[in-house]
């Protein structure tokens, strides 16, 4: 061979030493962690033959070539294909002209064929994915040991080479923690004896390829991470242990206005706004220097002097010995959110003050109106008693109008005040166990019976369940049925008003139906039935008195008692309101 003509053994050894230096330099450049001692192929100079020197020389050249390949910007498949070509072209070895390289599949314990030379189509298909433990390659991956065979034995899973006698060196490529990354499979002639130097050579190549693959994977992960960091919406700053800025991402520059020329050799103090005292900064540094993360909201200043709020997290980074080497600060501009929250807070304060003023006003007005109205009603009652037999019949009717008008005014004031308290959340209820029949309905019906008789209406009560116990507030539940029955009587001119008390045992519910044979409600008005101050007939020509708060309060009272209400009605014929409560068990 031309490279050996006229050269002594000593000259060849010197060239091998030079090649080793080149290998070491290349290994350093590509940051491969394997040591020369682990991957040395040379023997002590006094004990090796010239043939062994030649092999060592070619081995070092092969390693040199593979390391040079690793520095090229080529895909993994192309790298492995070229590396396989280098392996099979080393002179002086008994390798055949066929071989392949597998890498571990990402989602399973299987070997995926990545590179091959002189494999026929059938073998390539059969060996496209080899499970760990199957065939010699799978065993090498599973056992993490070199598999050697010098004939087609029963371990072979593929019979595509039966017409071509051969054997294999199957050498696993292992990670630092001895996990299988892949397998180098080199075909050898049938009957070939195991050669320690060949195994050593293939093992060294496998080690280098393992480190190259791991390095590439780490580099790819780093690129992905760097891209994610660079494109992140959050602001990211990386500093050394003393706080000197080493890196910022694009989002930081866009928000703060500081470019690389501005923040280079600076610390995050360039963002200092003067809105935080020194004690705050001292506490922050104490926390992160202790190894803990800092989380909080800071007020920072941009390059143009504008202030902004940042939701920030600062995390210390540590080396293997637990020593802090860097700090990573991630932040998000929340200025708009802070301003929006401040506006909302001020609006809430204004609304609360307004609500309080309204409640105070209504309470005051209630007192101011109630006092003279009660005086008028009391003195009217006294005058009526004193003048009962001294005034003509037409004047006696006046006392009734005064009494009805005064009581109507007091009811209106009570409704407005109650609605105001409910809307402001200041309405208090007292929930106790109540018997709907004995404690609520019978009393309300007795109170409104004279009103029904005056209009010649039948007021009927059907009790279909007993006892009818619920949990609720006596006052509001009483008002629910006082309003519903009062309305039924008011809007009915002939016929009857019926109250039905029943139960639905399947759902543990008690219901009360208030039905009438009155004027009914139009379908178009139903969506507004429970709106405050809403009435189906409006204006001065309306036929019925009222302020439109009765049913609105009914709906609110129903909700306060965790019940629900629904209505069935036909305009000009009837109406039925049903209120449903949860039954008390036991």
Protein backbone atom coordinates (compact mmCIF):
# COMPACT_ATOMS: atom_id res chain seq x y z
CA UNK A 1 0.00 0.00 0.00
CA UNK A 2 1.43 3.39 -0.99
CA UNK A 3 1.23 4.90 2.50
CA UNK A 4 3.53 2.23 3.93
CA UNK A 5 6.17 2.03 1.14
CA UNK A 6 9.64 2.88 2.44
CA UNK A 7 8.43 3.59 6.01
CA UNK A 8 9.83 1.95 9.09
CA UNK A 9 7.79 0.69 12.01
CA UNK A 10 8.92 3.67 14.08
CA UNK A 11 7.79 6.11 11.40
CA UNK A 12 4.37 4.46 11.31
CA UNK A 13 4.05 4.69 15.07
CA UNK A 14 4.91 8.38 14.90
CA UNK A 15 2.17 8.88 12.30
CA UNK A 16 -0.25 6.98 14.56
CA UNK A 17 0.65 9.33 17.43
CA UNK A 18 -0.02 12.29 15.15
CA UNK A 19 -3.36 10.82 14.14
CA UNK A 20 -4.23 10.34 17.82
CA UNK A 21 -3.49 13.99 18.46
CA UNK A 22 -5.80 14.92 15.58
CA UNK A 23 -8.49 12.62 17.02
CA UNK A 24 -8.14 14.26 20.43
CA UNK A 25 -8.40 17.73 18.87
CA UNK A 26 -11.47 16.77 16.85
CA UNK A 27 -13.03 15.12 19.88
CA UNK A 28 -12.57 18.36 21.82
CA UNK A 29 -14.09 20.41 19.01
CA UNK A 30 -17.24 18.28 18.85
CA UNK A 31 -17.33 18.01 22.69
CA UNK A 32 -17.27 14.23 22.86
CA UNK A 33 -16.75 13.10 26.45
CA UNK A 34 -15.06 9.72 25.92
CA UNK A 35 -11.45 9.58 27.11
CA UNK A 36 -8.36 8.52 25.10
CA UNK A 37 -7.65 5.77 27.62
CA UNK A 38 -11.04 4.18 27.07
CA UNK A 39 -10.76 4.34 23.30
CA UNK A 40 -7.07 3.62 22.75
CA UNK A 41 -6.27 1.00 20.13
CA UNK A 42 -2.48 1.06 20.37
CA UNK A 43 -0.34 -1.53 22.09
CA UNK A 44 2.92 -0.83 23.86
CA UNK A 45 5.47 -0.06 21.13
CA UNK A 46 7.81 -2.91 21.95
CA UNK A 47 5.24 -5.74 21.73
CA UNK A 48 3.30 -5.15 18.54
CA UNK A 49 3.92 -6.50 15.10
CA UNK A 50 4.12 -4.47 11.94
CA UNK A 51 0.73 -5.89 10.87
CA UNK A 52 -0.84 -4.65 14.10
CA UNK A 53 0.76 -1.25 13.60
CA UNK A 54 -0.81 -1.06 10.16
CA UNK A 55 -4.24 -1.96 11.59
CA UNK A 56 -3.87 0.61 14.35
CA UNK A 57 -2.92 3.20 11.77
CA UNK A 58 -6.05 2.52 9.71
CA UNK A 59 -8.20 2.38 12.83
CA UNK A 60 -7.03 5.86 13.86
CA UNK A 61 -7.64 7.15 10.33
CA UNK A 62 -11.19 5.72 10.43
CA UNK A 63 -11.90 7.39 13.78
CA UNK A 64 -10.43 10.60 12.41
CA UNK A 65 -12.74 10.41 9.37
CA UNK A 66 -15.84 9.75 11.49
CA UNK A 67 -15.06 12.68 13.76
CA UNK A 68 -14.69 14.91 10.72
CA UNK A 69 -18.08 13.67 9.49
CA UNK A 70 -19.65 14.63 12.82
CA UNK A 71 -18.55 18.23 12.26
CA UNK A 72 -20.41 18.43 8.95
CA UNK A 73 -23.92 19.86 8.78
CA UNK A 74 -25.56 16.74 7.38
CA UNK A 75 -28.63 14.70 8.45
CA UNK A 76 -28.18 11.78 10.85
CA UNK A 77 -28.94 9.21 8.15
CA UNK A 78 -26.26 10.62 5.88
CA UNK A 79 -23.76 10.75 8.76
CA UNK A 80 -24.42 7.10 9.68
CA UNK A 81 -24.34 6.01 6.04
CA UNK A 82 -20.92 7.66 5.58
CA UNK A 83 -19.65 6.24 8.88
CA UNK A 84 -20.72 2.73 7.78
CA UNK A 85 -18.85 3.22 4.51
CA UNK A 86 -15.71 4.21 6.47
CA UNK A 87 -15.99 1.12 8.68
CA UNK A 88 -16.39 -1.29 5.76
CA UNK A 89 -13.50 0.28 3.84
CA UNK A 90 -10.85 -0.17 6.56
CA UNK A 91 -8.06 -2.35 5.07
CA UNK A 92 -6.75 -5.41 6.83
CA UNK A 93 -10.02 -6.44 8.44
CA UNK A 94 -12.11 -9.49 7.72
CA UNK A 95 -15.30 -7.47 7.35
CA UNK A 96 -17.51 -8.25 4.39
CA UNK A 97 -18.97 -5.66 2.08
CA UNK A 98 -22.35 -5.53 3.84
CA UNK A 99 -23.55 -3.91 7.03
CA UNK A 100 -26.12 -1.64 8.64
CA UNK A 101 -26.61 0.74 11.54
CA UNK A 102 -29.74 0.91 13.71
CA UNK A 103 -30.92 3.60 16.12
CA UNK A 104 -33.45 3.08 18.89
CA UNK A 105 -36.96 4.07 17.81
CA UNK A 106 -38.41 7.03 19.71
CA UNK A 107 -41.65 5.44 20.83
CA UNK A 108 -40.72 1.81 21.50
CA UNK A 109 -37.98 -0.61 22.52
CA UNK A 110 -37.14 -1.38 18.91
CA UNK A 111 -34.26 -0.75 16.54
CA UNK A 112 -34.99 1.33 13.46
CA UNK A 113 -32.81 0.81 10.37
CA UNK A 114 -31.07 4.10 9.55
CA UNK A 115 -28.15 3.18 7.26
CA UNK A 116 -27.22 0.12 5.16
CA UNK A 117 -24.80 -1.03 2.51
CA UNK A 118 -25.46 -4.01 0.17
CA UNK A 119 -28.66 -5.13 1.89
CA UNK A 120 -31.21 -6.53 -0.53
CA UNK A 121 -34.75 -5.16 -0.56
CA UNK A 122 -36.27 -8.09 1.33
CA UNK A 123 -33.73 -7.88 4.16
CA UNK A 124 -34.16 -4.10 4.38
CA UNK A 125 -37.91 -4.59 4.74
CA UNK A 126 -37.59 -7.41 7.30
CA UNK A 127 -35.06 -5.45 9.33
CA UNK A 128 -36.75 -2.03 9.07
CA UNK A 129 -37.87 -2.35 12.72
CA UNK A 130 -36.27 -4.96 14.99
CA UNK A 131 -37.64 -5.38 18.55
CA UNK A 132 -35.16 -5.58 21.41
CA UNK A 133 -34.30 -9.25 22.00
CA UNK A 134 -35.07 -10.37 18.44
CA UNK A 135 -32.24 -11.62 16.22
CA UNK A 136 -28.58 -10.82 16.98
CA UNK A 137 -29.10 -7.05 16.67
CA UNK A 138 -32.04 -7.05 19.10
CA UNK A 139 -30.08 -9.19 21.58
CA UNK A 140 -27.12 -6.78 21.40
CA UNK A 141 -29.47 -3.89 22.22
CA UNK A 142 -31.29 -5.74 24.99
CA UNK A 143 -28.19 -7.21 26.67
CA UNK A 144 -26.01 -4.16 25.87
CA UNK A 145 -23.19 -6.54 24.87
CA UNK A 146 -21.46 -7.45 21.59
CA UNK A 147 -23.15 -10.34 19.76
CA UNK A 148 -20.85 -12.51 17.61
CA UNK A 149 -21.76 -15.36 15.29
CA UNK A 150 -19.83 -16.85 12.37
CA UNK A 151 -22.69 -18.67 10.66
CA UNK A 152 -26.43 -18.44 10.06
CA UNK A 153 -27.73 -19.91 13.31
CA UNK A 154 -31.19 -20.37 14.80
CA UNK A 155 -31.04 -16.89 16.40
CA UNK A 156 -31.32 -15.31 12.95
CA UNK A 157 -34.85 -14.01 12.49
CA UNK A 158 -34.49 -13.28 8.77
CA UNK A 159 -33.86 -16.05 6.21
CA UNK A 160 -33.25 -13.70 3.32
CA UNK A 161 -29.49 -14.44 3.38
CA UNK A 162 -29.70 -18.23 3.59
CA UNK A 163 -28.16 -18.55 0.11
CA UNK A 164 -25.26 -16.35 1.27
CA UNK A 165 -23.37 -17.89 4.21
CA UNK A 166 -22.21 -15.26 6.70
CA UNK A 167 -21.79 -14.21 10.31
CA UNK A 168 -22.10 -10.94 12.26
CA UNK A 169 -20.48 -8.53 14.64
CA UNK A 170 -23.44 -6.79 16.32
CA UNK A 171 -22.07 -4.02 18.54
CA UNK A 172 -24.38 -1.92 20.75
CA UNK A 173 -24.06 1.86 20.92
CA UNK A 174 -24.63 2.87 24.55
CA UNK A 175 -25.33 6.13 26.35
CA UNK A 176 -23.41 7.28 29.43
CA UNK A 177 -25.91 5.46 31.67
CA UNK A 178 -25.62 2.27 29.60
CA UNK A 179 -28.92 2.61 27.72
CA UNK A 180 -28.97 1.26 24.18
CA UNK A 181 -28.97 3.99 21.55
CA UNK A 182 -28.50 1.70 18.57
CA UNK A 183 -26.49 -1.16 17.05
CA UNK A 184 -23.74 -1.46 14.43
CA UNK A 185 -24.16 -4.70 12.44
CA UNK A 186 -21.17 -5.77 10.29
CA UNK A 187 -21.37 -8.90 8.12
CA UNK A 188 -18.38 -11.27 8.18
CA UNK A 189 -17.45 -14.40 6.24
CA UNK A 190 -18.77 -17.73 7.46
CA UNK A 191 -16.39 -19.52 9.78
CA UNK A 192 -14.48 -16.36 10.69
CA UNK A 193 -12.87 -16.49 14.14
CA UNK A 194 -13.65 -13.80 16.68
CA UNK A 195 -10.95 -11.11 16.57
CA UNK A 196 -10.44 -9.07 19.75
CA UNK A 197 -8.89 -6.16 17.89
CA UNK A 198 -11.82 -6.01 15.44
CA UNK A 199 -14.28 -6.06 18.33
CA UNK A 200 -12.24 -3.37 20.07
CA UNK A 201 -12.24 -1.26 16.89
CA UNK A 202 -16.01 -1.62 16.40
CA UNK A 203 -16.63 -0.91 20.10
CA UNK A 204 -14.56 2.27 19.90
CA UNK A 205 -16.45 3.35 16.75
CA UNK A 206 -19.72 2.55 18.53
CA UNK A 207 -18.63 4.68 21.50
CA UNK A 208 -17.77 7.61 19.26
CA UNK A 209 -21.01 7.31 17.29
CA UNK A 210 -22.95 7.15 20.57
CA UNK A 211 -21.34 10.37 21.78
CA UNK A 212 -21.90 12.02 18.40
CA UNK A 213 -25.59 11.02 18.42
CA UNK A 214 -26.06 12.21 22.02
CA UNK A 215 -24.24 15.45 21.22
CA UNK A 216 -26.47 16.01 18.18
CA UNK A 217 -29.61 15.24 20.19
CA UNK A 218 -28.52 17.65 22.93
CA UNK A 219 -27.67 20.26 20.34
CA UNK A 220 -31.05 19.83 18.67
CA UNK A 221 -32.83 20.08 22.02
CA UNK A 222 -30.82 23.17 22.81
CA UNK A 223 -31.77 24.70 19.46
CA UNK A 224 -35.45 23.97 20.12
CA UNK A 225 -35.18 25.40 23.62
CA UNK A 226 -33.32 28.46 22.36
CA UNK A 227 -35.94 29.00 19.67
CA UNK A 228 -38.74 28.64 22.21
CA UNK A 229 -37.02 31.07 24.59
CA UNK A 230 -36.30 33.57 21.82
CA UNK A 231 -39.88 33.46 20.53
CA UNK A 232 -41.55 33.35 23.96
CA UNK A 233 -44.09 36.07 24.71
CA UNK A 234 -42.71 36.45 28.25
CA UNK A 235 -39.65 38.60 28.87
CA UNK A 236 -36.60 36.48 29.69
CA UNK A 237 -33.32 37.67 31.21
CA UNK A 238 -30.36 35.43 32.11
CA UNK A 239 -27.69 36.87 34.40
CA UNK A 240 -24.58 35.52 36.06
CA UNK A 241 -24.42 35.09 39.83
CA UNK A 242 -23.56 38.76 40.30
CA UNK A 243 -26.55 39.90 38.26
CA UNK A 244 -24.67 40.87 35.10
CA UNK A 245 -26.93 40.34 32.06
CA UNK A 246 -25.73 37.63 29.68
CA UNK A 247 -28.87 37.14 27.58
CA UNK A 248 -32.29 38.67 26.93
CA UNK A 249 -34.92 37.49 24.45
CA UNK A 250 -36.71 39.46 21.78
CA UNK A 251 -39.79 40.08 23.94
CA UNK A 252 -37.65 41.88 26.54
CA UNK A 253 -36.15 44.19 23.92
CA UNK A 254 -39.55 44.90 22.36
CA UNK A 255 -41.19 45.80 25.67
CA UNK A 256 -38.37 47.73 27.33
CA UNK A 257 -36.85 49.32 24.23
CA UNK A 258 -33.32 48.28 25.34
CA UNK A 259 -31.19 46.77 22.55
CA UNK A 260 -28.13 44.56 22.89
CA UNK A 261 -25.88 47.62 22.88
CA UNK A 262 -27.89 49.02 25.79
CA UNK A 263 -28.06 45.98 28.11
CA UNK A 264 -24.62 44.50 27.40
CA UNK A 265 -22.42 44.60 30.55
CA UNK A 266 -25.43 45.96 32.49
CA UNK A 267 -27.57 44.53 35.30
CA UNK A 268 -31.37 44.56 35.63
CA UNK A 269 -30.92 47.82 37.55
CA UNK A 270 -31.37 49.58 34.20
CA UNK A 271 -35.10 48.84 34.72
CA UNK A 272 -35.19 50.40 38.19
CA UNK A 273 -38.19 52.70 38.52
CA UNK A 274 -37.66 54.15 41.98
CA UNK A 275 -41.06 52.78 43.04
CA UNK A 276 -39.56 50.07 45.28
CA UNK A 277 -37.45 50.75 48.36
CA UNK A 278 -34.04 49.19 48.99
CA UNK A 279 -35.48 46.79 51.54
CA UNK A 280 -37.65 45.18 48.83
CA UNK A 281 -34.62 44.56 46.61
CA UNK A 282 -32.61 43.26 49.57
CA UNK A 283 -35.30 40.72 50.45
CA UNK A 284 -35.49 39.60 46.83
CA UNK A 285 -31.73 39.00 46.66
CA UNK A 286 -31.71 37.18 49.98
CA UNK A 287 -34.38 34.82 48.71
CA UNK A 288 -32.79 33.94 45.36
CA UNK A 289 -29.28 33.66 46.83
CA UNK A 290 -30.68 31.14 49.33
CA UNK A 291 -31.69 28.98 46.34
CA UNK A 292 -35.40 29.80 46.36
CA UNK A 293 -37.41 31.37 43.56
CA UNK A 294 -38.81 34.88 43.83
CA UNK A 295 -42.30 35.66 42.56
CA UNK A 296 -43.95 39.04 42.60
CA UNK A 297 -45.08 42.12 40.71
CA UNK A 298 -42.54 44.86 40.07
CA UNK A 299 -42.84 48.33 38.60
CA UNK A 300 -40.12 48.85 36.01
CA UNK A 301 -39.07 51.72 33.78
CA UNK A 302 -38.58 51.39 30.00
CA UNK A 303 -35.80 53.07 28.07
CA UNK A 304 -38.16 55.91 27.13
CA UNK A 305 -39.01 56.50 30.81
CA UNK A 306 -42.46 54.91 30.66
CA UNK A 307 -43.41 52.75 33.66
CA UNK A 308 -44.85 49.26 33.33
CA UNK A 309 -46.00 46.52 35.71
CA UNK A 310 -44.30 43.14 35.38
CA UNK A 311 -45.38 39.83 36.87
CA UNK A 312 -41.95 38.34 37.49
CA UNK A 313 -40.34 35.05 38.54
CA UNK A 314 -36.60 34.81 39.26
CA UNK A 315 -35.13 31.31 39.52
CA UNK A 316 -31.54 30.43 40.48
CA UNK A 317 -29.67 27.91 38.30
CA UNK A 318 -27.24 25.54 40.03
CA UNK A 319 -24.35 23.36 38.88
CA UNK A 320 -23.87 19.71 39.83
CA UNK A 321 -22.38 20.72 43.16
CA UNK A 322 -25.44 22.80 44.04
CA UNK A 323 -23.63 26.11 43.55
CA UNK A 324 -25.65 28.95 42.03
CA UNK A 325 -24.15 29.99 38.70
CA UNK A 326 -26.92 32.03 37.01
CA UNK A 327 -30.34 33.54 37.50
CA UNK A 328 -33.23 33.29 35.04
CA UNK A 329 -35.90 35.99 35.22
CA UNK A 330 -39.17 35.50 33.36
CA UNK A 331 -41.73 38.27 33.30
CA UNK A 332 -44.98 39.38 31.72
CA UNK A 333 -46.21 42.90 31.12
CA UNK A 334 -49.46 43.19 33.08
CA UNK A 335 -49.82 46.97 32.89
CA UNK A 336 -53.14 46.80 31.02
CA UNK A 337 -54.47 44.29 33.52
CA UNK A 338 -53.40 46.43 36.49
CA UNK A 339 -55.01 49.53 34.99
CA UNK A 340 -58.18 47.59 34.18
CA UNK A 341 -58.32 46.21 37.74
CA UNK A 342 -57.80 49.70 39.13
CA UNK A 343 -60.62 51.07 36.98
CA UNK A 344 -62.82 48.18 38.06
CA UNK A 345 -61.96 48.79 41.72
CA UNK A 346 -62.80 52.49 41.43
CA UNK A 347 -66.00 51.72 39.56
CA UNK A 348 -66.92 49.21 42.27
CA UNK A 349 -66.25 51.78 44.99
CA UNK A 350 -68.39 54.35 43.14
CA UNK A 351 -71.16 51.77 42.66
CA UNK A 352 -71.01 50.76 46.31
CA UNK A 353 -71.14 54.40 47.41
CA UNK A 354 -74.01 54.99 45.02
CA UNK A 355 -75.80 51.89 46.29
CA UNK A 356 -75.30 52.99 49.87
CA UNK A 357 -76.57 56.47 49.07
CA UNK A 358 -79.58 54.93 47.36
CA UNK A 359 -80.27 52.60 50.28
CA UNK A 360 -79.82 55.43 52.77
CA UNK A 361 -82.07 57.65 50.68
CA UNK A 362 -84.78 55.01 50.40
CA UNK A 363 -84.57 54.21 54.10
CA UNK A 364 -84.85 57.88 54.93
CA UNK A 365 -87.71 58.38 52.49
CA UNK A 366 -89.44 55.32 53.90
CA UNK A 367 -89.21 56.81 57.38
CA UNK A 368 -90.26 60.28 56.20
CA UNK A 369 -93.28 58.91 54.31
CA UNK A 370 -94.31 56.22 56.80
CA UNK A 371 -94.41 58.63 59.74
CA UNK A 372 -96.94 61.11 58.31
CA UNK A 373 -98.94 58.36 56.56
CA UNK A 374 -99.27 56.41 59.83
CA UNK A 375 -100.35 59.62 61.54
CA UNK A 376 -102.94 60.24 58.81
CA UNK A 377 -104.26 56.67 59.05
CA UNK A 378 -104.42 56.78 62.86
CA UNK A 379 -106.22 60.10 62.95
CA UNK A 380 -108.53 59.01 60.11
CA UNK A 381 -109.46 55.94 62.11
CA UNK A 382 -110.10 58.17 65.17
CA UNK A 383 -112.23 60.61 63.17
CA UNK A 384 -114.19 57.77 61.64
CA UNK A 385 -114.94 56.39 65.12
CA UNK A 386 -115.94 59.79 66.51
CA UNK A 387 -118.04 60.86 63.51
CA UNK A 388 -119.55 57.47 62.64
CA UNK A 389 -123.14 58.62 63.34
CA UNK A 390 -122.69 62.33 62.56
CA UNK A 391 -121.72 62.38 58.86
CA UNK A 392 -123.78 61.51 55.79
CA UNK A 393 -123.16 58.15 54.05
CA UNK A 394 -121.24 59.70 51.12
CA UNK A 395 -118.62 61.10 53.56
CA UNK A 396 -118.24 57.79 55.34
CA UNK A 397 -116.95 56.33 52.03
CA UNK A 398 -114.14 58.92 52.11
CA UNK A 399 -112.63 57.31 55.19
CA UNK A 400 -112.30 54.04 53.22
CA UNK A 401 -110.49 55.80 50.33
CA UNK A 402 -108.09 57.49 52.73
CA UNK A 403 -107.31 54.21 54.49
CA UNK A 404 -106.83 52.23 51.23
CA UNK A 405 -104.67 54.94 49.66
CA UNK A 406 -102.43 55.21 52.73
CA UNK A 407 -101.91 51.48 53.00
CA UNK A 408 -101.20 51.28 49.27
CA UNK A 409 -98.54 53.93 49.64
CA UNK A 410 -96.91 52.07 52.57
CA UNK A 411 -96.90 48.80 50.57
CA UNK A 412 -95.24 50.60 47.66
CA UNK A 413 -92.53 52.03 49.92
CA UNK A 414 -91.93 48.58 51.47
CA UNK A 415 -91.58 46.98 48.02
CA UNK A 416 -89.14 49.61 46.75
CA UNK A 417 -87.04 49.34 49.90
CA UNK A 418 -86.98 45.52 49.80
CA UNK A 419 -86.04 45.46 46.11
CA UNK A 420 -83.23 47.94 46.77
CA UNK A 421 -81.86 45.85 49.61
CA UNK A 422 -82.01 42.65 47.56
CA UNK A 423 -80.20 44.24 44.61
CA UNK A 424 -77.48 45.66 46.88
CA UNK A 425 -77.04 42.34 48.70
CA UNK A 426 -78.01 43.79 52.09
CA UNK A 427 -81.32 41.96 52.43
CA UNK A 428 -81.14 39.53 55.36
CA UNK A 429 -83.15 36.34 55.62
CA UNK A 430 -83.61 33.94 58.51
CA UNK A 431 -84.03 30.34 57.34
CA UNK A 432 -85.90 27.95 59.63
CA UNK A 433 -88.08 24.87 59.25
CA UNK A 434 -91.56 25.90 58.13
CA UNK A 435 -94.86 24.09 57.63
CA UNK A 436 -96.21 25.70 54.44
CA UNK A 437 -99.81 24.92 55.22
CA UNK A 438 -100.17 25.82 58.91
CA UNK A 439 -97.65 28.66 59.13
CA UNK A 440 -97.95 30.42 55.74
CA UNK A 441 -100.80 29.56 53.38
CA UNK A 442 -103.69 29.38 55.85
CA UNK A 443 -102.79 32.78 57.34
CA UNK A 444 -102.43 34.44 53.91
CA UNK A 445 -105.71 32.95 52.66
CA UNK A 446 -107.59 34.11 55.77
CA UNK A 447 -106.17 37.63 55.34
CA UNK A 448 -107.24 37.86 51.67
CA UNK A 449 -110.59 36.07 52.00
CA UNK A 450 -112.57 39.32 52.57
CA UNK A 451 -111.08 40.76 49.35
CA UNK A 452 -112.28 37.68 47.41
CA UNK A 453 -115.76 37.80 48.98
CA UNK A 454 -116.05 41.48 48.10
CA UNK A 455 -115.64 40.48 44.42
CA UNK A 456 -117.93 37.41 44.82
CA UNK A 457 -115.05 35.02 44.03
CA UNK A 458 -114.55 31.54 45.46
CA UNK A 459 -111.18 31.31 47.27
CA UNK A 460 -110.42 27.58 47.57
CA UNK A 461 -107.58 25.78 49.32
CA UNK A 462 -106.79 22.12 48.50
CA UNK A 463 -104.31 20.44 50.81
CA UNK A 464 -103.01 17.26 49.09
CA UNK A 465 -99.97 16.61 51.26
CA UNK A 466 -99.28 16.81 54.96
CA UNK A 467 -97.04 17.73 56.63
CA UNK A 468 -95.53 20.17 54.12
CA UNK A 469 -92.23 21.05 55.75
CA UNK A 470 -89.52 23.09 54.04
CA UNK A 471 -86.48 25.18 55.00
CA UNK A 472 -86.92 28.87 54.26
CA UNK A 473 -87.52 32.42 55.43
CA UNK A 474 -91.04 32.95 56.81
CA UNK A 475 -91.36 36.62 55.83
CA UNK A 476 -90.28 36.26 52.18
CA UNK A 477 -92.25 33.03 51.64
CA UNK A 478 -95.33 34.73 53.12
CA UNK A 479 -94.79 37.67 50.73
CA UNK A 480 -94.51 35.25 47.77
CA UNK A 481 -98.00 33.88 48.30
CA UNK A 482 -99.52 37.16 49.51
CA UNK A 483 -98.51 38.71 46.16
CA UNK A 484 -99.53 35.74 44.01
CA UNK A 485 -102.97 35.29 45.64
CA UNK A 486 -103.55 39.06 45.78
CA UNK A 487 -102.79 39.28 42.04
CA UNK A 488 -105.05 36.31 41.27
CA UNK A 489 -107.95 38.02 43.05
CA UNK A 490 -107.19 41.44 41.53
CA UNK A 491 -107.12 40.15 37.93
CA UNK A 492 -110.17 37.85 38.24
CA UNK A 493 -113.70 39.25 37.82
CA UNK A 494 -115.74 36.08 38.17
CA UNK A 495 -115.17 32.46 38.94
CA UNK A 496 -112.58 31.33 41.45
CA UNK A 497 -109.04 31.41 42.78
CA UNK A 498 -107.58 28.06 43.85
CA UNK A 499 -104.53 27.23 45.92
CA UNK A 500 -103.24 23.65 45.71
CA UNK A 501 -100.57 22.29 48.07
CA UNK A 502 -99.02 19.05 46.81
CA UNK A 503 -95.81 17.04 46.65
CA UNK A 504 -93.62 15.19 44.18
CA UNK A 505 -92.21 12.31 46.17
CA UNK A 506 -89.86 11.14 43.40
CA UNK A 507 -87.93 14.42 43.48
CA UNK A 508 -88.52 15.20 47.19
CA UNK A 509 -90.32 18.41 46.24
CA UNK A 510 -93.32 20.34 47.58
CA UNK A 511 -95.24 22.63 45.23
CA UNK A 512 -97.89 25.30 45.62
CA UNK A 513 -100.14 26.19 42.68
CA UNK A 514 -102.05 29.49 42.61
CA UNK A 515 -104.54 29.43 39.72
CA UNK A 516 -107.40 31.71 38.69
CA UNK A 517 -110.06 32.18 36.03
CA UNK A 518 -108.95 35.74 35.34
CA UNK A 519 -107.73 37.78 32.40
CA UNK A 520 -104.53 35.77 31.80
CA UNK A 521 -101.24 37.04 30.38
CA UNK A 522 -100.28 37.53 26.75
CA UNK A 523 -97.51 35.34 25.34
CA UNK A 524 -95.53 38.38 24.19
CA UNK A 525 -95.37 39.79 27.72
CA UNK A 526 -94.24 36.57 29.45
CA UNK A 527 -90.45 37.23 28.98
CA UNK A 528 -90.90 40.50 30.94
CA UNK A 529 -93.25 39.12 33.58
CA UNK A 530 -90.71 39.27 36.41
CA UNK A 531 -88.94 42.49 35.34
CA UNK A 532 -89.00 45.29 37.98
CA UNK A 533 -91.48 48.11 37.33
CA UNK A 534 -92.91 46.18 34.39
CA UNK A 535 -96.66 45.92 33.71
CA UNK A 536 -98.57 44.52 30.75
CA UNK A 537 -100.81 47.60 30.71
CA UNK A 538 -98.96 50.91 30.99
CA UNK A 539 -99.80 54.62 31.00
CA UNK A 540 -102.63 56.53 32.64
CA UNK A 541 -105.30 54.42 30.93
CA UNK A 542 -104.29 51.17 32.62
CA UNK A 543 -107.13 49.41 34.44
CA UNK A 544 -105.21 48.06 37.44
CA UNK A 545 -103.26 49.78 40.14
CA UNK A 546 -99.72 48.69 41.05
CA UNK A 547 -96.08 49.62 40.64
CA UNK A 548 -94.80 46.59 38.76
CA UNK A 549 -92.66 45.37 41.69
CA UNK A 550 -94.88 42.59 43.01
CA UNK A 551 -93.87 39.74 40.69
CA UNK A 552 -90.26 41.00 40.47
CA UNK A 553 -90.05 40.66 44.27
CA UNK A 554 -91.75 37.26 44.10
CA UNK A 555 -89.01 36.01 41.76
CA UNK A 556 -86.26 37.39 44.03
CA UNK A 557 -87.88 35.90 47.15
CA UNK A 558 -88.18 32.52 45.40
CA UNK A 559 -84.46 32.57 44.55
CA UNK A 560 -83.51 33.59 48.10
CA UNK A 561 -85.28 30.44 49.34
CA UNK A 562 -83.58 28.12 46.79
CA UNK A 563 -86.90 27.46 45.08
CA UNK A 564 -88.12 28.05 41.52
CA UNK A 565 -91.29 29.38 39.89
CA UNK A 566 -92.98 28.90 36.53
CA UNK A 567 -96.25 30.05 34.98
CA UNK A 568 -98.88 28.64 32.62
CA UNK A 569 -101.40 31.08 31.21
CA UNK A 570 -103.84 31.77 28.38
CA UNK A 571 -104.79 35.31 27.56
CA UNK A 572 -108.44 36.00 28.49
CA UNK A 573 -108.94 32.64 30.25
CA UNK A 574 -106.68 31.84 33.21
CA UNK A 575 -103.27 31.86 34.88
CA UNK A 576 -101.46 29.36 37.09
CA UNK A 577 -98.28 30.12 39.03
CA UNK A 578 -96.39 27.17 40.52
CA UNK A 579 -93.71 27.55 43.20
CA UNK A 580 -91.56 24.48 43.96
CA UNK A 581 -89.55 23.95 47.18
CA UNK A 582 -87.25 21.18 48.38
CA UNK A 583 -88.97 18.96 50.94
CA UNK A 584 -87.44 18.47 54.38
CA UNK A 585 -86.60 14.78 54.75
CA UNK A 586 -87.59 12.86 57.84
